[in-house]
């Protein structure tokens, strides 16, 4: 089976911007959430690997991780072009061939080694390291580490929330002062652990267990 790239997993183009990637991830997360997959057993809803979807979004939504991943994709494509198809194996000239007359037999010169066979693996590794370091340096010049990414609306463990009038939990930016933090995220039929309070996710994807033991 041919491994799918993160772009293929999310169903976006390789030059897609962050809002497009986030929108595709949210759509897949809603369609293939474990609760919904359990209610549609045998359908295509549960066939997707949500671990692969989460990993693809984790890499492509972060500029630094995405730059390194794109570098790896380009290096892998370059290696495939260099190696190419395997050369046909020639017959050994010292092995007798009784199927043809002596004057009709061909003399096969030993094939010359290909470029890929002479290519040192250390050259490939060195090239990849240099490209990676260059990408990190460029990102450090243009990225602003002081800006936290805005909330994407999908609740995870460690996210800060606030309660809406119907007591549904909604993700907000953490401030560090009296934040309500999600300690666990469970299905609707599960029980929140410890001193946590159950609040339904605003998107209807499960139950957020919010720490109230302050």
Foldseek 3Di string as FASTA:
>chain_A
DDDDALCVLLVHDLPDDLVVSLVSLVVLCVQQQPVNCVVVDPDPNPVRDVVSSVVSNVQVNDQLSSQLSVLVVVLVVVLCVQVDDDDDDDDDPVDDDPPDDPVPDDDDDHDDDGPNVPDDVVVSVVVSVVSSVVSVVVCVVPDDVVDDDFDSFDDDFFFFWDADPVRATTGGDDDPPPTWGFHDWAAAPDDDDDQFDWHAHPVRSTTTTTHPPD
